[in-house]
Amino acid sequence: MKNDIIASESFSSAGKYYFLDFKIARNNSNYIRITRSDSKPDGTYERSSLSVWEEDLPIFIACLSSLFITVEYVGKPEETVQDMYRNKQEIRDKGIKSWAPEMRPREKMLEQGPTLMKSVELLAMLIGSGTPNETAVSLAGRILDSVDGDLLALSKMDIKGLCRFSGMGIAKASSVMAAMELAKRMYPILNVKPVKTMRIASGAYLPAHGN
């Protein structure tokens, strides 16, 4: 019996193509084959592959996890519990929670209402959280920069487009897309046109016509 592919995923980078196939062998055992295909100047491809059987997957994944953890600490001094707490505290001190209450998007909305919020702040609230190195507001700003602050263009972005931003995953992207879809469904009900935004000198995004 010819080997059959049950499921497959692939990705590419700089002329290198990777294929991950979940297959069933002649003896009905399942395994994963990882194949790398490199494009050559003459138009041909050079391939290499690795197979991991289903019963070995837990060990294989555990080894990968251990390897990545080891690499993370290579060349670093031994870290104590106090060091870890101090590092996390430094990250917290740089986040939105370190801002004055009136500057935090959620608190600002509760105090002033949503109409006085900047677009970047509203988008940050949809995103929910940033990364250890970037606040949700900064991440929202990068996304708006990519569409020149045009909310209509933002509403057309799909999962792939949103997830290309570091710090955006499927959950955050889905929340943004859901909010954009609800807004679009309100257009015919309210008989209004989609709002475009303009960027002011401070870097904030506000409605283009005071809407």
N, C-alpha and C. Protein backbone atom coordinates (compact mmCIF):
# COMPACT_ATOMS: atom_id res chain seq x y z
N MET A 1 0.84 -1.20 0.00
CA MET A 1 0.00 0.00 0.00
C MET A 1 0.87 1.25 0.00
N LYS A 2 0.55 2.21 -0.83
CA LYS A 2 1.29 3.45 -0.90
C LYS A 2 1.03 4.29 0.34
N ASN A 3 2.11 4.95 0.86
CA ASN A 3 1.94 5.81 2.02
C ASN A 3 0.95 6.93 1.71
N ASP A 4 0.01 7.18 2.61
CA ASP A 4 -1.01 8.20 2.42
C ASP A 4 -0.80 9.35 3.39
N ILE A 5 -1.03 10.57 2.92
CA ILE A 5 -0.94 11.76 3.76
C ILE A 5 -2.32 12.03 4.37
N ILE A 6 -2.38 12.05 5.69
CA ILE A 6 -3.63 12.32 6.40
C ILE A 6 -3.85 13.82 6.54
N ALA A 7 -2.79 14.54 6.86
CA ALA A 7 -2.85 16.00 6.99
C ALA A 7 -1.49 16.56 6.63
N SER A 8 -1.49 17.81 6.20
CA SER A 8 -0.23 18.40 5.76
C SER A 8 -0.20 19.89 6.03
N GLU A 9 0.98 20.42 6.37
CA GLU A 9 1.20 21.85 6.54
C GLU A 9 2.52 22.19 5.85
N SER A 10 2.65 23.43 5.39
CA SER A 10 3.89 23.83 4.73
C SER A 10 4.15 25.31 4.95
N PHE A 11 5.41 25.70 4.85
CA PHE A 11 5.79 27.10 4.90
C PHE A 11 7.12 27.25 4.17
N SER A 12 7.47 28.49 3.84
CA SER A 12 8.70 28.72 3.11
C SER A 12 9.41 29.96 3.62
N SER A 13 10.70 30.03 3.37
CA SER A 13 11.50 31.18 3.78
C SER A 13 12.78 31.21 2.98
N ALA A 14 13.01 32.32 2.26
CA ALA A 14 14.25 32.55 1.52
C ALA A 14 14.65 31.37 0.64
N GLY A 15 13.74 30.90 -0.16
CA GLY A 15 14.05 29.82 -1.09
C GLY A 15 14.10 28.44 -0.48
N LYS A 16 13.74 28.34 0.79
CA LYS A 16 13.69 27.04 1.46
C LYS A 16 12.22 26.71 1.74
N TYR A 17 11.81 25.51 1.41
CA TYR A 17 10.42 25.09 1.56
C TYR A 17 10.35 23.92 2.53
N TYR A 18 9.42 24.02 3.48
CA TYR A 18 9.28 22.99 4.50
C TYR A 18 7.89 22.38 4.40
N PHE A 19 7.83 21.06 4.48
CA PHE A 19 6.57 20.32 4.42
C PHE A 19 6.48 19.40 5.63
N LEU A 20 5.38 19.50 6.37
CA LEU A 20 5.13 18.63 7.51
C LEU A 20 3.92 17.78 7.18
N ASP A 21 4.13 16.51 6.99
CA ASP A 21 3.06 15.60 6.59
C ASP A 21 2.79 14.56 7.67
N PHE A 22 1.53 14.44 8.07
CA PHE A 22 1.12 13.38 8.99
C PHE A 22 0.64 12.23 8.11
N LYS A 23 1.34 11.10 8.15
CA LYS A 23 1.11 10.03 7.18
C LYS A 23 0.78 8.70 7.87
N ILE A 24 0.25 7.81 7.09
CA ILE A 24 -0.02 6.45 7.56
C ILE A 24 0.82 5.50 6.71
N ALA A 25 1.57 4.63 7.40
CA ALA A 25 2.48 3.71 6.72
C ALA A 25 1.75 2.44 6.28
N ARG A 26 2.48 1.57 5.62
CA ARG A 26 1.90 0.32 5.11
C ARG A 26 1.37 -0.57 6.24
N ASN A 27 2.01 -0.47 7.43
CA ASN A 27 1.57 -1.30 8.55
C ASN A 27 0.52 -0.58 9.41
N ASN A 28 -0.06 0.51 8.85
CA ASN A 28 -1.10 1.30 9.52
C ASN A 28 -0.59 2.11 10.71
N SER A 29 0.74 2.22 10.85
CA SER A 29 1.30 3.08 11.89
C SER A 29 1.34 4.52 11.37
N ASN A 30 1.12 5.46 12.26
CA ASN A 30 1.16 6.87 11.89
C ASN A 30 2.55 7.45 12.17
N TYR A 31 2.94 8.40 11.33
CA TYR A 31 4.21 9.08 11.56
C TYR A 31 4.18 10.45 10.90
N ILE A 32 5.12 11.29 11.33
CA ILE A 32 5.25 12.64 10.77
C ILE A 32 6.54 12.69 9.95
N ARG A 33 6.44 13.16 8.73
CA ARG A 33 7.62 13.36 7.90
C ARG A 33 7.84 14.86 7.72
N ILE A 34 9.04 15.31 8.08
CA ILE A 34 9.43 16.71 7.91
C ILE A 34 10.39 16.78 6.73
N THR A 35 10.00 17.48 5.70
CA THR A 35 10.80 17.56 4.48
C THR A 35 11.22 19.01 4.21
N ARG A 36 12.49 19.19 3.87
CA ARG A 36 13.00 20.50 3.48
C ARG A 36 13.46 20.43 2.03
N SER A 37 13.01 21.40 1.23
CA SER A 37 13.36 21.44 -0.18
C SER A 37 14.00 22.79 -0.48
N ASP A 38 15.27 22.77 -0.91
CA ASP A 38 16.01 24.00 -1.22
C ASP A 38 16.07 24.22 -2.72
N SER A 39 15.66 25.41 -3.17
CA SER A 39 15.74 25.72 -4.60
C SER A 39 17.18 26.04 -4.99
N LYS A 40 17.61 25.55 -6.15
CA LYS A 40 18.95 25.76 -6.66
C LYS A 40 18.93 26.74 -7.84
N PRO A 41 20.07 27.40 -8.12
CA PRO A 41 20.13 28.36 -9.24
C PRO A 41 19.72 27.78 -10.58
N ASP A 42 19.93 26.47 -10.76
CA ASP A 42 19.59 25.86 -12.05
C ASP A 42 18.12 25.45 -12.14
N GLY A 43 17.32 25.81 -11.12
CA GLY A 43 15.90 25.50 -11.15
C GLY A 43 15.52 24.17 -10.53
N THR A 44 16.51 23.41 -10.08
CA THR A 44 16.23 22.13 -9.44
C THR A 44 16.09 22.32 -7.94
N TYR A 45 15.73 21.24 -7.26
CA TYR A 45 15.55 21.30 -5.81
C TYR A 45 16.33 20.18 -5.14
N GLU A 46 16.87 20.49 -3.98
CA GLU A 46 17.56 19.48 -3.18
C GLU A 46 16.71 19.20 -1.94
N ARG A 47 16.36 17.95 -1.73
CA ARG A 47 15.45 17.60 -0.63
C ARG A 47 16.13 16.74 0.41
N SER A 48 15.67 16.95 1.64
CA SER A 48 16.09 16.08 2.75
C SER A 48 14.88 15.94 3.67
N SER A 49 14.79 14.81 4.36
CA SER A 49 13.60 14.60 5.18
C SER A 49 13.94 13.83 6.45
N LEU A 50 13.05 13.94 7.41
CA LEU A 50 13.16 13.27 8.70
C LEU A 50 11.80 12.72 9.07
N SER A 51 11.74 11.48 9.51
CA SER A 51 10.47 10.87 9.91
C SER A 51 10.49 10.58 11.41
N VAL A 52 9.38 10.88 12.07
CA VAL A 52 9.23 10.62 13.50
C VAL A 52 7.93 9.83 13.68
N TRP A 53 8.03 8.63 14.25
CA TRP A 53 6.85 7.79 14.43
C TRP A 53 6.00 8.29 15.59
N GLU A 54 4.71 8.02 15.50
CA GLU A 54 3.74 8.54 16.45
C GLU A 54 4.10 8.21 17.90
N GLU A 55 4.57 6.99 18.15
CA GLU A 55 4.89 6.61 19.53
C GLU A 55 6.11 7.35 20.07
N ASP A 56 6.90 7.93 19.17
CA ASP A 56 8.09 8.67 19.59
C ASP A 56 7.85 10.17 19.71
N LEU A 57 6.67 10.63 19.30
CA LEU A 57 6.41 12.07 19.29
C LEU A 57 6.53 12.72 20.67
N PRO A 58 5.97 12.12 21.75
CA PRO A 58 6.12 12.76 23.07
C PRO A 58 7.58 12.98 23.46
N ILE A 59 8.42 11.98 23.18
CA ILE A 59 9.84 12.11 23.51
C ILE A 59 10.50 13.17 22.62
N PHE A 60 10.13 13.17 21.33
CA PHE A 60 10.69 14.13 20.39
C PHE A 60 10.35 15.55 20.80
N ILE A 61 9.09 15.80 21.16
CA ILE A 61 8.65 17.13 21.58
C ILE A 61 9.32 17.54 22.88
N ALA A 62 9.44 16.58 23.83
CA ALA A 62 10.10 16.88 25.11
C ALA A 62 11.56 17.25 24.88
N CYS A 63 12.23 16.57 23.95
CA CYS A 63 13.63 16.87 23.65
C CYS A 63 13.76 18.27 23.03
N LEU A 64 12.84 18.61 22.12
CA LEU A 64 12.87 19.94 21.52
C LEU A 64 12.68 21.02 22.58
N SER A 65 11.72 20.80 23.47
CA SER A 65 11.45 21.76 24.54
C SER A 65 12.68 21.95 25.42
N SER A 66 13.30 20.83 25.80
CA SER A 66 14.50 20.90 26.64
C SER A 66 15.63 21.62 25.91
N LEU A 67 15.75 21.37 24.61
CA LEU A 67 16.79 22.01 23.82
C LEU A 67 16.62 23.52 23.79
N PHE A 68 15.37 23.98 23.56
CA PHE A 68 15.11 25.41 23.48
C PHE A 68 15.36 26.09 24.83
N ILE A 69 14.99 25.42 25.92
CA ILE A 69 15.22 25.98 27.25
C ILE A 69 16.72 26.10 27.52
N THR A 70 17.47 25.07 27.13
CA THR A 70 18.93 25.09 27.32
C THR A 70 19.56 26.23 26.54
N VAL A 71 19.14 26.40 25.28
CA VAL A 71 19.69 27.47 24.45
C VAL A 71 19.39 28.83 25.04
N GLU A 72 18.19 28.98 25.63
CA GLU A 72 17.79 30.26 26.21
C GLU A 72 18.76 30.70 27.31
N TYR A 73 19.33 29.74 28.03
CA TYR A 73 20.18 30.09 29.17
C TYR A 73 21.66 29.92 28.89
N VAL A 74 22.03 29.58 27.65
CA VAL A 74 23.44 29.44 27.31
C VAL A 74 24.14 30.80 27.47
N GLY A 75 25.24 30.78 28.19
CA GLY A 75 26.02 32.00 28.38
C GLY A 75 25.48 32.95 29.42
N LYS A 76 24.35 32.59 30.06
CA LYS A 76 23.77 33.43 31.09
C LYS A 76 24.12 32.88 32.46
N PRO A 77 24.34 33.76 33.44
CA PRO A 77 24.60 33.27 34.78
C PRO A 77 23.37 32.60 35.37
N GLU A 78 23.56 31.77 36.35
CA GLU A 78 22.43 31.09 36.97
C GLU A 78 21.46 32.11 37.57
N GLU A 79 20.17 31.94 37.27
CA GLU A 79 19.16 32.90 37.70
C GLU A 79 18.43 32.39 38.93
N THR A 80 18.37 33.21 39.95
CA THR A 80 17.67 32.84 41.18
C THR A 80 16.21 33.26 41.09
N VAL A 81 15.42 32.83 42.06
CA VAL A 81 14.01 33.21 42.12
C VAL A 81 13.89 34.72 42.26
N GLN A 82 14.77 35.32 43.04
CA GLN A 82 14.76 36.76 43.22
C GLN A 82 15.06 37.48 41.90
N ASP A 83 15.98 36.91 41.12
CA ASP A 83 16.30 37.51 39.82
C ASP A 83 15.09 37.48 38.90
N MET A 84 14.39 36.33 38.87
CA MET A 84 13.22 36.20 38.02
C MET A 84 12.13 37.18 38.44
N TYR A 85 11.92 37.34 39.75
CA TYR A 85 10.91 38.28 40.23
C TYR A 85 11.29 39.71 39.84
N ARG A 86 12.57 40.05 40.01
CA ARG A 86 13.03 41.39 39.69
C ARG A 86 12.86 41.69 38.19
N ASN A 87 13.17 40.70 37.34
CA ASN A 87 13.04 40.89 35.90
C ASN A 87 11.58 41.10 35.50
N LYS A 88 10.68 40.31 36.11
CA LYS A 88 9.26 40.46 35.81
C LYS A 88 8.73 41.80 36.31
N GLN A 89 9.27 42.25 37.47
CA GLN A 89 8.87 43.54 38.01
C GLN A 89 9.28 44.67 37.08
N GLU A 90 10.47 44.56 36.49
CA GLU A 90 10.95 45.57 35.55
C GLU A 90 10.05 45.63 34.32
N ILE A 91 9.59 44.46 33.86
CA ILE A 91 8.69 44.42 32.71
C ILE A 91 7.37 45.09 33.06
N ARG A 92 6.84 44.79 34.26
CA ARG A 92 5.58 45.41 34.70
C ARG A 92 5.72 46.92 34.80
N ASP A 93 6.88 47.38 35.26
CA ASP A 93 7.10 48.81 35.46
C ASP A 93 7.12 49.58 34.13
N LYS A 94 7.34 48.86 33.01
CA LYS A 94 7.38 49.51 31.71
C LYS A 94 6.05 49.41 30.97
N GLY A 95 5.12 48.63 31.51
CA GLY A 95 3.85 48.41 30.82
C GLY A 95 2.82 49.48 31.11
N ILE A 96 1.61 49.26 30.57
CA ILE A 96 0.53 50.24 30.72
C ILE A 96 0.17 50.45 32.19
N LYS A 97 0.32 49.41 33.00
CA LYS A 97 -0.01 49.55 34.42
C LYS A 97 0.87 50.56 35.13
N SER A 98 2.02 50.87 34.53
CA SER A 98 2.92 51.86 35.14
C SER A 98 2.51 53.29 34.78
N TRP A 99 1.57 53.44 33.82
CA TRP A 99 1.12 54.77 33.41
C TRP A 99 0.21 55.37 34.46
N ALA A 100 0.08 56.67 34.40
CA ALA A 100 -0.89 57.35 35.26
C ALA A 100 -2.29 56.84 34.92
N PRO A 101 -3.15 56.63 35.93
CA PRO A 101 -4.48 56.06 35.67
C PRO A 101 -5.25 56.75 34.56
N GLU A 102 -5.17 58.09 34.49
CA GLU A 102 -5.94 58.80 33.48
C GLU A 102 -5.41 58.59 32.06
N MET A 103 -4.23 57.99 31.94
CA MET A 103 -3.63 57.73 30.62
C MET A 103 -3.89 56.31 30.14
N ARG A 104 -4.34 55.43 31.03
CA ARG A 104 -4.59 54.04 30.65
C ARG A 104 -5.90 53.95 29.87
N PRO A 105 -5.91 53.26 28.73
CA PRO A 105 -7.12 53.21 27.90
C PRO A 105 -8.38 52.79 28.64
N ARG A 106 -8.31 51.71 29.41
CA ARG A 106 -9.53 51.22 30.07
C ARG A 106 -10.05 52.24 31.08
N GLU A 107 -9.15 52.78 31.91
CA GLU A 107 -9.56 53.77 32.91
C GLU A 107 -10.05 55.05 32.25
N LYS A 108 -9.41 55.42 31.12
CA LYS A 108 -9.82 56.62 30.40
C LYS A 108 -11.23 56.47 29.86
N MET A 109 -11.56 55.29 29.36
CA MET A 109 -12.91 55.06 28.85
C MET A 109 -13.93 55.14 29.97
N LEU A 110 -13.62 54.56 31.12
CA LEU A 110 -14.56 54.59 32.23
C LEU A 110 -14.80 56.00 32.73
N GLU A 111 -13.75 56.83 32.68
CA GLU A 111 -13.85 58.20 33.20
C GLU A 111 -14.45 59.16 32.17
N GLN A 112 -14.06 59.02 30.90
CA GLN A 112 -14.42 60.01 29.88
C GLN A 112 -15.39 59.50 28.83
N GLY A 113 -15.57 58.18 28.77
CA GLY A 113 -16.44 57.62 27.74
C GLY A 113 -15.67 57.31 26.46
N PRO A 114 -16.23 56.48 25.59
CA PRO A 114 -15.52 56.03 24.39
C PRO A 114 -15.35 57.09 23.31
N THR A 115 -16.22 58.10 23.26
CA THR A 115 -16.15 59.08 22.17
C THR A 115 -14.88 59.93 22.23
N LEU A 116 -14.29 60.07 23.40
CA LEU A 116 -13.08 60.88 23.53
C LEU A 116 -11.81 60.04 23.40
N MET A 117 -11.99 58.75 23.16
CA MET A 117 -10.83 57.87 23.01
C MET A 117 -10.22 58.01 21.63
N LYS A 118 -8.90 57.93 21.55
CA LYS A 118 -8.22 57.91 20.26
C LYS A 118 -8.37 56.52 19.65
N SER A 119 -8.29 56.46 18.33
CA SER A 119 -8.43 55.17 17.64
C SER A 119 -7.40 54.17 18.11
N VAL A 120 -6.19 54.63 18.35
CA VAL A 120 -5.13 53.73 18.78
C VAL A 120 -5.45 53.13 20.15
N GLU A 121 -6.11 53.91 21.01
CA GLU A 121 -6.48 53.42 22.34
C GLU A 121 -7.61 52.41 22.24
N LEU A 122 -8.58 52.67 21.37
CA LEU A 122 -9.69 51.73 21.20
C LEU A 122 -9.19 50.41 20.62
N LEU A 123 -8.29 50.49 19.65
CA LEU A 123 -7.73 49.27 19.07
C LEU A 123 -6.92 48.51 20.10
N ALA A 124 -6.19 49.23 20.95
CA ALA A 124 -5.40 48.59 22.01
C ALA A 124 -6.30 47.82 22.96
N MET A 125 -7.48 48.36 23.24
CA MET A 125 -8.41 47.66 24.12
C MET A 125 -8.93 46.38 23.48
N LEU A 126 -9.11 46.39 22.16
CA LEU A 126 -9.52 45.17 21.46
C LEU A 126 -8.40 44.13 21.50
N ILE A 127 -7.17 44.59 21.34
CA ILE A 127 -6.02 43.68 21.36
C ILE A 127 -5.86 43.08 22.75
N GLY A 128 -6.08 43.90 23.78
CA GLY A 128 -6.10 43.39 25.15
C GLY A 128 -4.78 43.45 25.87
N SER A 129 -3.73 42.94 25.26
CA SER A 129 -2.43 42.91 25.93
C SER A 129 -1.32 42.99 24.90
N GLY A 130 -0.19 43.50 25.35
CA GLY A 130 0.96 43.58 24.47
C GLY A 130 1.89 42.40 24.69
N THR A 131 3.18 42.67 24.64
CA THR A 131 4.21 41.66 24.88
C THR A 131 5.12 42.18 25.97
N PRO A 132 6.04 41.36 26.47
CA PRO A 132 6.97 41.85 27.49
C PRO A 132 7.77 43.07 27.05
N ASN A 133 7.92 43.26 25.74
CA ASN A 133 8.72 44.38 25.24
C ASN A 133 7.90 45.49 24.59
N GLU A 134 6.58 45.34 24.57
CA GLU A 134 5.76 46.33 23.89
C GLU A 134 4.36 46.37 24.48
N THR A 135 3.83 47.57 24.67
CA THR A 135 2.48 47.70 25.20
C THR A 135 1.46 47.46 24.09
N ALA A 136 0.23 47.22 24.50
CA ALA A 136 -0.86 47.03 23.53
C ALA A 136 -1.08 48.30 22.71
N VAL A 137 -0.85 49.46 23.33
CA VAL A 137 -1.02 50.74 22.63
C VAL A 137 0.02 50.87 21.52
N SER A 138 1.26 50.51 21.83
CA SER A 138 2.32 50.58 20.83
C SER A 138 2.05 49.60 19.68
N LEU A 139 1.60 48.40 20.02
CA LEU A 139 1.26 47.40 19.01
C LEU A 139 0.12 47.91 18.13
N ALA A 140 -0.90 48.49 18.75
CA ALA A 140 -2.02 49.05 18.00
C ALA A 140 -1.54 50.17 17.07
N GLY A 141 -0.59 50.95 17.56
CA GLY A 141 -0.04 52.03 16.73
C GLY A 141 0.66 51.50 15.50
N ARG A 142 1.39 50.41 15.63
CA ARG A 142 2.08 49.82 14.48
C ARG A 142 1.09 49.32 13.44
N ILE A 143 0.00 48.73 13.92
CA ILE A 143 -1.01 48.22 13.00
C ILE A 143 -1.68 49.37 12.26
N LEU A 144 -2.02 50.43 12.99
CA LEU A 144 -2.65 51.58 12.33
C LEU A 144 -1.69 52.27 11.38
N ASP A 145 -0.40 52.31 11.73
CA ASP A 145 0.59 52.89 10.83
C ASP A 145 0.61 52.16 9.49
N SER A 146 0.40 50.86 9.53
CA SER A 146 0.49 50.05 8.31
C SER A 146 -0.64 50.37 7.32
N VAL A 147 -1.73 50.96 7.82
CA VAL A 147 -2.85 51.33 6.95
C VAL A 147 -3.05 52.84 6.93
N ASP A 148 -2.01 53.58 7.37
CA ASP A 148 -2.06 55.04 7.41
C ASP A 148 -3.26 55.56 8.20
N GLY A 149 -3.63 54.82 9.23
CA GLY A 149 -4.72 55.26 10.10
C GLY A 149 -6.11 55.11 9.49
N ASP A 150 -6.21 54.43 8.37
CA ASP A 150 -7.50 54.26 7.68
C ASP A 150 -8.27 53.09 8.30
N LEU A 151 -9.35 53.40 9.02
CA LEU A 151 -10.11 52.36 9.69
C LEU A 151 -10.82 51.44 8.70
N LEU A 152 -11.18 51.97 7.54
CA LEU A 152 -11.81 51.12 6.53
C LEU A 152 -10.81 50.08 6.03
N ALA A 153 -9.56 50.50 5.83
CA ALA A 153 -8.52 49.56 5.41
C ALA A 153 -8.25 48.54 6.51
N LEU A 154 -8.30 48.99 7.76
CA LEU A 154 -8.11 48.07 8.89
C LEU A 154 -9.21 47.02 8.90
N SER A 155 -10.44 47.44 8.59
CA SER A 155 -11.57 46.51 8.64
C SER A 155 -11.48 45.43 7.56
N LYS A 156 -10.63 45.64 6.57
CA LYS A 156 -10.47 44.67 5.48
C LYS A 156 -9.32 43.69 5.74
N MET A 157 -8.57 43.90 6.81
CA MET A 157 -7.44 43.02 7.10
C MET A 157 -7.95 41.68 7.61
N ASP A 158 -7.31 40.61 7.15
CA ASP A 158 -7.72 39.27 7.57
C ASP A 158 -6.78 38.73 8.65
N ILE A 159 -7.01 37.49 9.04
CA ILE A 159 -6.19 36.87 10.09
C ILE A 159 -4.71 36.91 9.72
N LYS A 160 -4.41 36.54 8.49
CA LYS A 160 -3.01 36.51 8.05
C LYS A 160 -2.38 37.89 8.11
N GLY A 161 -3.13 38.90 7.67
CA GLY A 161 -2.60 40.26 7.67
C GLY A 161 -2.33 40.79 9.07
N LEU A 162 -3.22 40.48 10.01
CA LEU A 162 -3.05 40.96 11.39
C LEU A 162 -1.97 40.17 12.12
N CYS A 163 -1.91 38.88 11.86
CA CYS A 163 -0.94 38.04 12.59
C CYS A 163 0.49 38.24 12.12
N ARG A 164 0.70 39.00 11.05
CA ARG A 164 2.08 39.25 10.63
C ARG A 164 2.78 40.24 11.54
N PHE A 165 2.00 40.90 12.41
CA PHE A 165 2.58 41.81 13.38
C PHE A 165 3.02 41.03 14.62
N SER A 166 4.27 41.20 15.01
CA SER A 166 4.77 40.52 16.21
C SER A 166 3.92 40.91 17.41
N GLY A 167 3.45 39.92 18.14
CA GLY A 167 2.60 40.18 19.29
C GLY A 167 1.13 39.91 19.02
N MET A 168 0.78 39.72 17.74
CA MET A 168 -0.60 39.42 17.37
C MET A 168 -0.74 37.94 17.07
N GLY A 169 -1.66 37.29 17.77
CA GLY A 169 -1.96 35.90 17.51
C GLY A 169 -3.38 35.77 16.97
N ILE A 170 -3.82 34.55 16.79
CA ILE A 170 -5.15 34.31 16.22
C ILE A 170 -6.24 34.88 17.12
N ALA A 171 -6.10 34.73 18.45
CA ALA A 171 -7.14 35.22 19.37
C ALA A 171 -7.28 36.73 19.28
N LYS A 172 -6.16 37.46 19.32
CA LYS A 172 -6.21 38.92 19.24
C LYS A 172 -6.73 39.38 17.88
N ALA A 173 -6.24 38.75 16.83
CA ALA A 173 -6.67 39.11 15.49
C ALA A 173 -8.17 38.86 15.31
N SER A 174 -8.67 37.77 15.87
CA SER A 174 -10.09 37.45 15.77
C SER A 174 -10.94 38.50 16.47
N SER A 175 -10.47 38.99 17.62
CA SER A 175 -11.21 40.02 18.35
C SER A 175 -11.32 41.29 17.53
N VAL A 176 -10.20 41.68 16.90
CA VAL A 176 -10.21 42.88 16.07
C VAL A 176 -11.14 42.70 14.88
N MET A 177 -11.05 41.55 14.22
CA MET A 177 -11.89 41.30 13.05
C MET A 177 -13.37 41.27 13.42
N ALA A 178 -13.68 40.72 14.60
CA ALA A 178 -15.07 40.66 15.04
C ALA A 178 -15.62 42.07 15.26
N ALA A 179 -14.82 42.93 15.89
CA ALA A 179 -15.25 44.30 16.14
C ALA A 179 -15.43 45.07 14.83
N MET A 180 -14.51 44.86 13.88
CA MET A 180 -14.62 45.53 12.59
C MET A 180 -15.87 45.06 11.83
N GLU A 181 -16.17 43.78 11.93
CA GLU A 181 -17.35 43.25 11.24
C GLU A 181 -18.64 43.81 11.85
N LEU A 182 -18.69 43.92 13.17
CA LEU A 182 -19.86 44.51 13.81
C LEU A 182 -20.05 45.96 13.37
N ALA A 183 -18.92 46.69 13.27
CA ALA A 183 -18.99 48.08 12.84
C ALA A 183 -19.53 48.19 11.42
N LYS A 184 -19.05 47.31 10.53
CA LYS A 184 -19.51 47.34 9.13
C LYS A 184 -21.00 47.02 9.04
N ARG A 185 -21.48 46.13 9.89
CA ARG A 185 -22.90 45.77 9.86
C ARG A 185 -23.80 46.91 10.35
N MET A 186 -23.19 47.86 11.07
CA MET A 186 -23.96 49.00 11.56
C MET A 186 -24.09 50.10 10.52
N TYR A 187 -23.24 50.10 9.50
CA TYR A 187 -23.27 51.16 8.49
C TYR A 187 -24.65 51.36 7.88
N PRO A 188 -25.29 50.31 7.33
CA PRO A 188 -26.61 50.52 6.72
C PRO A 188 -27.69 50.86 7.74
N ILE A 189 -27.53 50.38 8.97
CA ILE A 189 -28.54 50.66 10.00
C ILE A 189 -28.52 52.14 10.38
N LEU A 190 -27.31 52.69 10.54
CA LEU A 190 -27.17 54.09 10.95
C LEU A 190 -27.12 55.04 9.77
N ASN A 191 -27.04 54.48 8.55
CA ASN A 191 -26.98 55.31 7.35
C ASN A 191 -25.80 56.27 7.39
N VAL A 192 -24.64 55.74 7.76
CA VAL A 192 -23.42 56.55 7.81
C VAL A 192 -22.37 55.89 6.94
N LYS A 193 -21.36 56.68 6.57
CA LYS A 193 -20.25 56.17 5.79
C LYS A 193 -19.13 55.73 6.73
N PRO A 194 -18.30 54.77 6.31
CA PRO A 194 -17.15 54.34 7.13
C PRO A 194 -16.26 55.53 7.46
N VAL A 195 -15.75 55.54 8.68
CA VAL A 195 -14.93 56.66 9.14
C VAL A 195 -13.47 56.42 8.85
N LYS A 196 -12.85 57.40 8.23
CA LYS A 196 -11.39 57.36 8.08
C LYS A 196 -10.78 58.22 9.17
N THR A 197 -9.56 57.93 9.53
CA THR A 197 -8.91 58.69 10.58
C THR A 197 -7.72 59.44 10.02
N MET A 198 -7.31 60.44 10.75
CA MET A 198 -6.11 61.17 10.37
C MET A 198 -5.12 61.10 11.52
N ARG A 199 -3.85 61.16 11.16
CA ARG A 199 -2.81 61.11 12.18
C ARG A 199 -2.36 62.52 12.49
N ILE A 200 -2.37 62.89 13.77
CA ILE A 200 -1.94 64.21 14.17
C ILE A 200 -0.49 64.16 14.61
N ALA A 201 0.09 65.32 14.90
CA ALA A 201 1.52 65.41 15.18
C ALA A 201 1.96 64.53 16.33
N SER A 202 1.10 64.33 17.31
CA SER A 202 1.48 63.53 18.48
C SER A 202 1.57 62.06 18.16
N GLY A 203 1.13 61.66 16.97
CA GLY A 203 1.16 60.25 16.59
C GLY A 203 -0.15 59.56 16.86
N ALA A 204 -1.11 60.27 17.45
CA ALA A 204 -2.41 59.66 17.75
C ALA A 204 -3.28 59.65 16.51
N TYR A 205 -4.32 58.82 16.54
CA TYR A 205 -5.25 58.73 15.41
C TYR A 205 -6.62 59.21 15.85
N LEU A 206 -7.16 60.19 15.12
CA LEU A 206 -8.47 60.75 15.45
C LEU A 206 -9.34 60.72 14.19
N PRO A 207 -10.68 60.77 14.33
CA PRO A 207 -11.56 60.80 13.16
C PRO A 207 -11.20 61.94 12.23
N ALA A 208 -11.25 61.70 10.93
CA ALA A 208 -10.80 62.69 9.96
C ALA A 208 -11.71 63.91 9.87
N HIS A 209 -13.01 63.74 10.19
CA HIS A 209 -13.94 64.86 10.04
C HIS A 209 -14.67 65.15 11.33
N GLY A 210 -14.03 64.82 12.45
CA GLY A 210 -14.64 65.10 13.74
C GLY A 210 -15.74 64.15 14.10
N ASN A 211 -15.89 63.03 13.34
CA ASN A 211 -16.95 62.06 13.62
C ASN A 211 -16.54 61.15 14.75
